[in-house]
Amino acid sequence: MKAKNSDFVRGLPPGIERLGIFFFCGPDEAGASAAANRVAAALPDAGDRVELSGAELRADPAKLGDEARSTSLFGGARHIWVRASGDEAHDALQILIETAEAGAGTAAPVIVVATSATDKSRTAKLLEKRKDALVAMFHPPDLSVVASAVRGMADAAGLRLGGDLAERIARSAGLDVRLAQSEVTKLALYCDADPTAPKSATPEDHAAIGAATEEDGFAPLVNAVLGGELGRVSGEIRRMRELGLNPVGLALALERRAAQLAQITAHLGPRGSFDRIDKGAEMRLGIFFKEKRDIRNQFERWRLPAQRGAQDPRRETRLDRLIPRLAQLHRTLLANSQAAELLLAQELAEIARYAAKR
């Protein structure tokens, strides 16, 4: 079965707990990951999370079935979480399905978040007509969609948001539902709100706990790193520390820009020119006037072949390598909060050096 962005704005599609395979794709990696997390939380018996990468499954397609039909260390339930790029998980999912139909036994739920994939990909076609699977493609949301999601988060946390506070939170999170959820959670804690004892929140409350916005802090560093501007990176990292910008928030800002570059690449094709994008497409692709020069520069750098001398238009690009690396960076920062600033600074320098190569 297939689902849309809107099906996940305030909850989950009905009957989702009966499904066994979930494939979340599209240019909005943040929205796909947020939906995947909600699905994992809603599983009747989620148990332990086993994380696999798309590269692992591409190298060993049988590994998914082995893990999905194994038990955890203490004999409890488990679910499999796969972060892939494109169709890396296709063969593994096909083997998992075929072995199930051959009587291999019940498998744990499998959740795949696939950057650079669409609902027209081979993996989506494999799953979309199955009654035990769900395919959902996520596009970058607009303000009203994220504001509506924020209201749903607030209702669940026992917060009453007055005026345009939901939109303010959506903007402060850069339209990223994961950051918005973090802001709502902090706001509920600050207001001592609870679903059984709802409290009203004001813009002043949000200002008291609010993090710096992407426009205030993230964008200059994102542009310096992805634009390969080595002379600016060290100063921007120092500014990040001085302003106390959230390392995970910055990693998410980088992921959003990488997803935007992937969307532009898909729109233009392997040999398309950035200058051929018309005004209507610019709006759909989120290319705003003040950012256009930076995005053009980054697009030209990251569409280059990952290996020098590659001429095949279907070859792996730098962007194909960047997206899974940013996803891994995000996970690393979450797992090492005490050293997050140092780890982020090291990775930003590496990415900027890679972007600077010609």
Protein backbone atom coordinates (compact mmCIF):
# COMPACT_ATOMS: atom_id res chain seq x y z
CA MET A 1 0.00 0.00 0.00
CA LYS A 2 1.00 3.64 -0.50
CA ALA A 3 0.67 6.67 1.75
CA LYS A 4 1.26 10.43 1.47
CA ASN A 5 2.94 13.11 3.56
CA SER A 6 -0.45 14.23 4.82
CA ASP A 7 -1.18 10.79 6.29
CA PHE A 8 1.61 11.37 8.82
CA VAL A 9 0.97 15.00 9.77
CA ARG A 10 -1.04 14.28 12.93
CA GLY A 11 -0.68 10.55 13.32
CA LEU A 12 -0.32 7.33 11.35
CA PRO A 13 -2.38 5.67 8.60
CA PRO A 14 -4.90 3.19 10.03
CA GLY A 15 -3.90 -0.46 10.30
CA ILE A 16 -0.19 0.30 10.17
CA GLU A 17 0.53 -2.00 13.13
CA ARG A 18 -0.38 -5.01 10.96
CA LEU A 19 2.32 -4.31 8.36
CA GLY A 20 5.79 -5.82 8.29
CA ILE A 21 7.82 -3.69 5.82
CA PHE A 22 7.94 0.10 5.66
CA PHE A 23 9.73 2.04 2.90
CA PHE A 24 10.06 5.80 3.43
CA CYS A 25 11.64 7.78 0.61
CA GLY A 26 11.67 11.19 -1.07
CA PRO A 27 13.68 14.41 -0.83
CA ASP A 28 12.47 15.28 2.68
CA GLU A 29 14.71 12.97 4.70
CA ALA A 30 13.70 14.70 7.93
CA GLY A 31 10.01 13.98 7.34
CA ALA A 32 10.71 10.40 6.32
CA SER A 33 12.81 9.77 9.43
CA ALA A 34 10.21 11.37 11.69
CA ALA A 35 7.48 9.16 10.23
CA ALA A 36 9.71 6.10 10.59
CA ASN A 37 10.28 6.92 14.26
CA ARG A 38 6.53 7.24 14.84
CA VAL A 39 5.98 3.86 13.18
CA ALA A 40 8.66 2.26 15.38
CA ALA A 41 7.02 3.74 18.48
CA ALA A 42 3.62 2.41 17.39
CA LEU A 43 4.73 -1.19 16.79
CA PRO A 44 2.86 -3.53 19.18
CA ASP A 45 6.13 -5.11 20.33
CA ALA A 46 9.03 -3.10 18.93
CA GLY A 47 11.72 -4.58 21.15
CA ASP A 48 15.37 -3.89 20.30
CA ARG A 49 16.36 -1.80 17.29
CA VAL A 50 18.90 -3.40 14.97
CA GLU A 51 20.44 -0.83 12.62
CA LEU A 52 21.78 -1.78 9.20
CA SER A 53 23.12 0.36 6.38
CA GLY A 54 22.17 0.14 2.74
CA ALA A 55 25.80 -0.55 1.88
CA GLU A 56 25.80 -3.60 4.17
CA LEU A 57 22.70 -5.00 2.50
CA ARG A 58 23.98 -4.29 -0.98
CA ALA A 59 27.15 -6.28 -0.16
CA ASP A 60 25.22 -9.09 1.58
CA PRO A 61 21.49 -9.13 0.62
CA ALA A 62 20.80 -12.23 2.75
CA LYS A 63 21.82 -10.37 5.91
CA LEU A 64 18.44 -8.65 6.23
CA GLY A 65 16.55 -11.93 6.45
CA ASP A 66 19.09 -13.36 8.89
CA GLU A 67 18.72 -10.39 11.22
CA ALA A 68 14.93 -10.14 10.85
CA ARG A 69 14.47 -13.80 11.82
CA SER A 70 16.97 -13.80 14.69
CA THR A 71 16.10 -13.10 18.30
CA SER A 72 17.68 -10.45 20.49
CA LEU A 73 20.40 -11.26 23.01
CA PHE A 74 17.83 -11.82 25.77
CA GLY A 75 15.24 -13.51 23.58
CA GLY A 76 12.91 -10.50 23.17
CA ALA A 77 11.41 -8.86 20.10
CA ARG A 78 13.31 -6.65 17.70
CA HIS A 79 12.77 -4.46 14.66
CA ILE A 80 15.20 -3.69 11.84
CA TRP A 81 16.06 -0.10 10.93
CA VAL A 82 17.78 0.42 7.57
CA ARG A 83 19.25 3.69 6.31
CA ALA A 84 19.86 3.34 2.59
CA SER A 85 20.51 5.42 -0.48
CA GLY A 86 18.43 4.79 -3.59
CA ASP A 87 17.72 1.11 -4.22
CA GLU A 88 20.49 -0.30 -2.01
CA ALA A 89 17.95 -2.35 0.00
CA HIS A 90 16.02 -3.74 -3.01
CA ASP A 91 17.71 -7.13 -3.34
CA ALA A 92 17.69 -7.70 0.41
CA LEU A 93 13.96 -6.95 0.64
CA GLN A 94 13.24 -9.18 -2.35
CA ILE A 95 15.08 -12.08 -0.69
CA LEU A 96 13.27 -11.41 2.59
CA ILE A 97 9.90 -11.62 0.79
CA GLU A 98 10.80 -14.67 -1.26
CA THR A 99 12.08 -16.64 1.73
CA ALA A 100 8.95 -15.71 3.71
CA GLU A 101 6.76 -17.04 0.91
CA ALA A 102 8.86 -20.21 0.89
CA GLY A 103 8.08 -20.79 4.57
CA ALA A 104 11.16 -19.37 6.28
CA GLY A 105 9.11 -18.11 9.20
CA THR A 106 7.99 -14.82 10.73
CA ALA A 107 10.32 -11.87 10.37
CA ALA A 108 10.69 -8.80 12.55
CA PRO A 109 9.30 -5.51 11.19
CA VAL A 110 11.67 -3.79 8.76
CA ILE A 111 11.75 0.00 8.45
CA VAL A 112 13.76 1.48 5.56
CA VAL A 113 14.56 5.19 5.22
CA ALA A 114 15.96 5.63 1.71
CA THR A 115 17.42 8.95 0.64
CA SER A 116 17.69 9.64 -3.11
CA ALA A 117 14.85 7.15 -3.74
CA THR A 118 11.32 7.91 -4.95
CA ASP A 119 8.00 6.11 -5.12
CA LYS A 120 8.94 5.19 -8.71
CA SER A 121 12.09 3.33 -7.68
CA ARG A 122 12.52 -0.44 -8.02
CA THR A 123 12.15 -0.91 -4.28
CA ALA A 124 8.90 1.05 -4.17
CA LYS A 125 7.53 -0.94 -7.11
CA LEU A 126 8.45 -4.17 -5.30
CA LEU A 127 6.44 -3.19 -2.21
CA GLU A 128 3.62 -0.84 -3.18
CA LYS A 129 1.03 -3.49 -4.08
CA ARG A 130 1.75 -5.78 -1.15
CA LYS A 131 -0.75 -5.90 1.72
CA ASP A 132 2.01 -6.35 4.29
CA ALA A 133 4.10 -3.33 3.18
CA LEU A 134 3.84 0.44 3.10
CA VAL A 135 5.52 2.89 0.72
CA ALA A 136 5.47 6.61 1.52
CA MET A 137 7.25 9.43 -0.29
CA PHE A 138 8.00 12.66 1.55
CA HIS A 139 8.32 16.05 -0.11
CA PRO A 140 9.71 19.15 1.61
CA PRO A 141 6.75 20.50 3.61
CA ASP A 142 5.38 24.02 3.54
CA LEU A 143 4.78 26.18 6.60
CA SER A 144 1.10 25.31 7.02
CA VAL A 145 1.80 21.56 6.99
CA VAL A 146 4.54 21.79 9.63
CA ALA A 147 2.47 24.21 11.74
CA SER A 148 -0.38 21.69 11.69
CA ALA A 149 2.05 18.96 12.77
CA VAL A 150 3.28 21.22 15.60
CA ARG A 151 -0.30 21.67 16.84
CA GLY A 152 -0.68 17.89 16.89
CA MET A 153 2.56 17.51 18.87
CA ALA A 154 1.40 20.20 21.29
CA ASP A 155 -1.99 18.53 21.81
CA ALA A 156 -0.24 15.25 22.61
CA ALA A 157 2.04 17.01 25.10
CA GLY A 158 -0.79 18.91 26.83
CA LEU A 159 0.15 22.32 25.39
CA ARG A 160 -2.29 24.94 24.17
CA LEU A 161 -0.63 27.15 21.57
CA GLY A 162 -2.07 30.61 21.21
CA GLY A 163 -1.99 32.88 18.15
CA ASP A 164 0.63 32.05 15.55
CA LEU A 165 2.93 30.23 17.99
CA ALA A 166 2.68 26.96 16.03
CA GLU A 167 3.94 28.75 12.91
CA ARG A 168 6.68 30.43 14.91
CA ILE A 169 7.90 27.07 16.20
CA ALA A 170 7.75 25.64 12.66
CA ARG A 171 9.88 28.51 11.35
CA SER A 172 12.37 28.29 14.21
CA ALA A 173 12.84 24.60 13.37
CA GLY A 174 13.49 25.38 9.70
CA LEU A 175 10.35 23.35 8.77
CA ASP A 176 12.05 20.25 10.17
CA VAL A 177 9.52 18.17 12.11
CA ARG A 178 12.22 16.52 14.24
CA LEU A 179 13.52 19.84 15.49
CA ALA A 180 9.93 21.03 15.93
CA GLN A 181 9.20 18.01 18.12
CA SER A 182 12.25 18.84 20.22
CA GLU A 183 11.04 22.44 20.63
CA VAL A 184 7.55 21.28 21.66
CA THR A 185 9.00 18.82 24.18
CA LYS A 186 11.17 21.55 25.73
CA LEU A 187 8.25 23.97 25.79
CA ALA A 188 5.99 21.43 27.52
CA LEU A 189 8.66 20.81 30.14
CA TYR A 190 9.16 24.55 30.67
CA CYS A 191 5.41 25.14 31.06
CA ASP A 192 4.99 22.03 33.25
CA ALA A 193 2.36 20.77 30.80
CA ASP A 194 0.95 17.27 30.77
CA PRO A 195 -1.83 15.61 28.72
CA THR A 196 -3.79 15.19 31.96
CA ALA A 197 -3.16 18.81 33.00
CA PRO A 198 -2.91 20.98 29.84
CA LYS A 199 -1.21 24.38 30.04
CA SER A 200 -1.21 27.36 27.69
CA ALA A 201 2.08 28.48 26.11
CA THR A 202 2.91 31.99 24.97
CA PRO A 203 5.48 33.42 22.52
CA GLU A 204 7.38 34.65 25.57
CA ASP A 205 7.62 31.06 26.86
CA HIS A 206 9.00 29.93 23.53
CA ALA A 207 11.49 32.80 23.43
CA ALA A 208 12.75 31.70 26.83
CA ILE A 209 13.63 28.19 25.65
CA GLY A 210 13.95 28.68 21.88
CA ALA A 211 17.10 27.70 20.03
CA ALA A 212 18.71 29.88 17.42
CA THR A 213 16.95 29.58 14.07
CA GLU A 214 18.53 28.27 10.91
CA GLU A 215 18.49 31.77 9.39
CA ASP A 216 20.26 33.20 12.46
CA GLY A 217 23.01 30.62 12.64
CA PHE A 218 22.93 27.54 10.44
CA ALA A 219 22.81 28.91 6.88
CA PRO A 220 26.23 30.66 6.73
CA LEU A 221 28.01 27.55 8.02
CA VAL A 222 26.02 25.23 5.73
CA ASN A 223 26.95 27.37 2.72
CA ALA A 224 30.62 27.57 3.71
CA VAL A 225 30.94 23.81 4.19
CA LEU A 226 28.96 22.58 1.17
CA GLY A 227 30.41 25.36 -0.98
CA GLY A 228 33.98 24.26 -0.19
CA GLU A 229 34.87 27.72 1.17
CA LEU A 230 37.79 26.57 3.28
CA GLY A 231 38.80 30.08 4.30
CA ARG A 232 35.44 30.65 5.99
CA VAL A 233 34.87 27.31 7.68
CA SER A 234 37.07 27.78 10.76
CA GLY A 235 35.52 31.17 11.50
CA GLU A 236 32.00 29.80 11.07
CA ILE A 237 32.76 26.87 13.40
CA ARG A 238 34.05 29.35 15.99
CA ARG A 239 30.84 31.38 15.58
CA MET A 240 28.81 28.18 16.02
CA ARG A 241 30.46 27.63 19.40
CA GLU A 242 30.07 31.27 20.46
CA LEU A 243 26.35 31.24 19.64
CA GLY A 244 25.83 27.82 21.20
CA LEU A 245 24.18 26.40 18.08
CA ASN A 246 22.82 22.89 18.44
CA PRO A 247 25.17 20.39 16.67
CA VAL A 248 22.27 18.07 15.80
CA GLY A 249 20.28 21.03 14.45
CA LEU A 250 23.20 21.96 12.22
CA ALA A 251 23.55 18.38 11.01
CA LEU A 252 19.85 18.41 10.12
CA ALA A 253 20.31 21.70 8.23
CA LEU A 254 23.08 20.05 6.20
CA GLU A 255 20.82 17.04 5.53
CA ARG A 256 18.03 19.32 4.33
CA ARG A 257 20.34 21.13 1.91
CA ALA A 258 21.73 17.83 0.61
CA ALA A 259 18.16 16.58 0.10
CA GLN A 260 17.35 19.80 -1.77
CA LEU A 261 20.38 19.29 -4.04
CA ALA A 262 19.22 15.72 -4.69
CA GLN A 263 15.77 17.01 -5.60
CA ILE A 264 17.27 19.54 -8.02
CA THR A 265 19.41 16.80 -9.57
CA ALA A 266 16.36 14.59 -10.06
CA HIS A 267 14.46 17.50 -11.65
CA LEU A 268 17.24 18.37 -14.11
CA GLY A 269 18.57 14.91 -14.92
CA PRO A 270 22.24 13.90 -15.12
CA ARG A 271 23.23 16.56 -17.68
CA GLY A 272 20.70 19.34 -16.98
CA SER A 273 21.74 22.95 -16.44
CA PHE A 274 20.88 24.81 -13.25
CA ASP A 275 20.18 27.94 -15.28
CA ARG A 276 17.31 26.18 -17.07
CA ILE A 277 15.22 26.05 -13.89
CA ASP A 278 12.23 28.37 -14.37
CA LYS A 279 10.60 30.50 -11.67
CA GLY A 280 7.82 27.98 -10.99
CA ALA A 281 10.32 25.14 -10.54
CA GLU A 282 12.44 27.35 -8.30
CA MET A 283 9.48 27.78 -5.97
CA ARG A 284 8.72 24.04 -5.96
CA LEU A 285 12.38 23.24 -5.30
CA GLY A 286 12.68 25.79 -2.49
CA ILE A 287 15.31 27.91 -4.28
CA PHE A 288 14.88 31.40 -2.84
CA PHE A 289 16.50 34.46 -4.42
CA LYS A 290 18.92 35.22 -1.60
CA GLU A 291 20.19 31.60 -1.58
CA LYS A 292 20.25 30.99 -5.34
CA ARG A 293 23.94 31.74 -5.90
CA ASP A 294 25.01 29.49 -3.00
CA ILE A 295 22.74 26.65 -4.12
CA ARG A 296 24.00 26.89 -7.72
CA ASN A 297 27.61 26.69 -6.51
CA GLN A 298 26.85 23.70 -4.28
CA PHE A 299 24.87 21.94 -7.01
CA GLU A 300 27.77 22.25 -9.46
CA ARG A 301 30.26 20.93 -6.90
CA TRP A 302 28.26 17.99 -5.57
CA ARG A 303 27.01 16.73 -8.94
CA LEU A 304 30.62 15.99 -9.95
CA PRO A 305 31.67 12.32 -10.19
CA ALA A 306 32.76 10.80 -6.89
CA GLN A 307 35.81 9.44 -8.72
CA ARG A 308 37.87 11.51 -11.11
CA GLY A 309 37.66 10.56 -14.76
CA ALA A 310 34.23 8.87 -14.56
CA GLN A 311 32.25 9.76 -17.70
CA ASP A 312 29.12 7.61 -17.35
CA PRO A 313 26.14 9.96 -16.57
CA ARG A 314 24.77 7.25 -14.28
CA ARG A 315 27.99 7.17 -12.24
CA GLU A 316 28.13 7.77 -8.52
CA THR A 317 28.30 11.47 -7.71
CA ARG A 318 29.77 13.28 -4.73
CA LEU A 319 26.22 13.88 -3.54
CA ASP A 320 25.54 10.12 -3.54
CA ARG A 321 28.35 9.78 -1.00
CA LEU A 322 27.45 12.89 1.00
CA ILE A 323 23.87 11.94 1.87
CA PRO A 324 24.58 8.66 3.73
CA ARG A 325 27.61 10.29 5.38
CA LEU A 326 25.40 13.06 6.79
CA ALA A 327 22.90 10.48 8.02
CA GLN A 328 25.73 8.66 9.80
CA LEU A 329 26.95 11.97 11.25
CA HIS A 330 23.48 12.60 12.66
CA ARG A 331 23.44 9.21 14.39
CA THR A 332 26.96 9.73 15.73
CA LEU A 333 26.05 13.09 17.26
CA LEU A 334 22.97 11.65 18.93
CA ALA A 335 25.03 8.81 20.42
CA ASN A 336 27.89 11.07 21.60
CA SER A 337 26.24 14.21 22.94
CA GLN A 338 29.18 15.14 25.20
CA ALA A 339 31.63 15.25 22.29
CA ALA A 340 29.12 16.41 19.65
CA GLU A 341 30.73 19.80 18.99
CA LEU A 342 34.20 18.34 18.43
CA LEU A 343 32.91 15.48 16.26
CA LEU A 344 30.84 17.90 14.19
CA ALA A 345 33.73 20.32 13.69
CA GLN A 346 35.98 17.50 12.45
CA GLU A 347 33.36 16.23 10.02
CA LEU A 348 32.55 19.72 8.71
CA ALA A 349 36.21 20.29 7.90
CA GLU A 350 36.40 16.96 6.03
CA ILE A 351 33.25 17.68 4.01
CA ALA A 352 34.44 21.17 3.15
CA ARG A 353 37.81 19.85 1.93
CA TYR A 354 36.00 17.30 -0.24
CA ALA A 355 33.71 20.00 -1.65
CA ALA A 356 36.69 22.24 -2.43
CA LYS A 357 38.28 19.69 -4.78
CA ARG A 358 37.85 20.25 -8.49
